[in-house]
Amino acid sequence: MYAVRSNVAERVRPASLNELYGVWDRVSAIDFDTLPDAFVLKVNWGWRMNIFCPRKADLDVPGTRERLTEWMRRSYYWTAREWCYKNIQPRIICERLLIDSTSITPTEYAFHCFAGEPRFIRASRDRATQLTTDTFDLKWQSTPFSLNRPDFSRVVARPSTFDEMVECASRLSAGWPFVRVDLYEVDGRTVFSELTLYPGAGASRFIPEEYDRYWGDALQLPRPQW
C-alpha cells in the first residue's frame, strides 16, 4: 500500500498516485492539527483498517488514536496467513479522501491480469455502505461468471478513463503470472489503489464452478528452480 508507490510511479506515472499527506510508524507521531479538513487514515498491514474523515471537526481524535493503536498491534497475516502482511514494517498512511458524486467511496475497478494481460474487471460500488459488484470483460460486456457472489446486474457506466486504466493495468501487471490491479476514476483521473496477488486470500470461488478450471488453466506459474 505504501512501498508500492515508487514502483507505480516508475511503471506508470506519479500522477496516478493518490495524494499522500503523511506516513508514521507510531500513532503518537500523528499531528492531527496539520492534516487537511478531509482525509483517510490506513494501516498498511491490515484489511478494512481505514478511517474516513470527510470533516475534521467531526472526528473523534482520541477514539481514532485508540483504534489505530489497536490495529498497529496485530498484523492481518494471522487471520489467513497471507505472507505479504507478515514481515512488513507497520505504518499508518494518510491520503486524500476520494469521493465521487454518489458515494463516499468511488467505484473500484479491479483488473484481473494474467501475464500482463487484463482479462476481466470487477466493478465494486458503495464499499462504505452497501457493497455491490458486477463483472465485465474488456469490451465492457457482462461476463457469464462472477466471483464469490452473484453479480447485481446493475448498469455500471464504462469509466471515461477506461483505455488509460487498461494501459495502467497492463504495465503494472507485466512480469507477474497473475495480479489484480485495482484502480479508481475520480474527476476524470485514473487513481491507483492496490496490487493483489491472491484475491480473497486465494479462497475466492467462481460462479458457476466450471470457471474455476477455466481461469486456473489461464494461470501459467513458473517452474520451481529446485
Foldseek 3Di string as FASTA:
>chain_A
DPVCQVVLCVLANNLQAFAWDDKFLALVPDDLVPDDQWKKKAKPQDDPRIDGGHGNVPDPSVVNSVSVVVCQPDGCCVVLVPPVSPPDRIMMTIGGQFCDDPESHFWKWKFKDAQLAGFKIWTWPHPVHDIFIFIAGLVRDGDPKDKPDDHPPDDDDQDPCSVVVRVSSSRVCHPPRIKIWMWGQGPNHIHGDDIGPQPPSVPMAMPPRVVVVVVVVSRDDDDDPD
